[in-house]
Protein backbone atom coordinates (compact mmCIF):
# COMPACT_ATOMS: atom_id res chain seq x y z
CA MET A 1 2.09 21.27 2.02
CA LYS A 2 4.57 18.49 1.31
CA GLN A 3 6.42 19.05 4.59
CA ASN A 4 3.20 18.89 6.60
CA LEU A 5 1.94 15.66 5.03
CA GLY A 6 3.03 13.54 8.01
CA ILE A 7 1.34 15.84 10.50
CA ILE A 8 -1.85 15.87 8.41
CA LEU A 9 -1.92 12.05 8.34
CA ILE A 10 -1.41 11.87 12.12
CA VAL A 11 -4.23 14.34 12.75
CA LEU A 12 -6.50 12.46 10.32
CA GLY A 13 -5.85 9.18 12.15
CA ALA A 14 -6.54 10.81 15.50
CA LEU A 15 -9.77 12.32 14.18
CA MET A 16 -10.84 8.91 12.92
CA LEU A 17 -10.31 7.47 16.40
CA ILE A 18 -12.27 10.31 18.02
CA ILE A 19 -15.11 9.93 15.53
CA SER A 20 -15.16 6.16 16.05
CA TYR A 21 -15.58 6.71 19.78
CA PHE A 22 -18.50 9.13 19.47
CA ALA A 23 -20.16 7.33 16.53
CA ASP A 24 -19.96 3.97 18.36
CA PHE A 25 -17.61 2.40 15.79
CA VAL A 26 -15.29 1.12 18.52
CA ASP A 27 -16.26 -2.49 17.83
CA TYR A 28 -15.26 -2.29 14.14
CA ASN A 29 -11.63 -3.37 14.02
CA PHE A 30 -11.03 -2.39 10.39
CA TYR A 31 -11.89 1.24 11.19
CA ASN A 32 -9.53 1.35 14.18
CA ILE A 33 -6.75 -0.46 12.30
CA GLY A 34 -7.10 2.04 9.46
CA ALA A 35 -6.73 4.92 11.90
CA LEU A 36 -3.70 3.27 13.51
CA LEU A 37 -2.08 2.73 10.11
CA LEU A 38 -2.67 6.39 9.22
CA ILE A 39 -0.95 7.48 12.42
CA ILE A 40 2.02 5.14 11.88
CA VAL A 41 2.41 6.17 8.21
CA GLY A 42 2.14 9.80 9.28
CA ILE A 43 4.90 9.41 11.86
CA VAL A 44 7.20 7.64 9.40
CA THR A 45 6.44 10.21 6.67
CA HIS A 46 7.15 13.07 9.06
CA ILE A 47 10.50 11.56 10.07
CA VAL A 48 11.53 10.93 6.46
CA MET A 49 10.52 14.43 5.31
CA THR A 50 12.33 16.03 8.25
CA LYS A 51 15.53 14.08 7.53
CA ARG A 52 15.47 15.14 3.85
CA SER A 53 15.13 18.86 4.52
C-alpha cells in the first residue's frame, strides 16, 4: 500500500478532473487546483518512494 501511494494520488487527481468535467465544476478554480496538486504530489511521492526501494 505504501509503495502505491503516489499512483493512488495521481488516479484520485485524475478522477477529480473527470468528475469536475461531467458535474460542470470546470469554472471552480479551487477544485481544479486541488486536483492538480494531488497529481503533482502523487508524482513526487511516487518518485521518492521508488528511489528509496
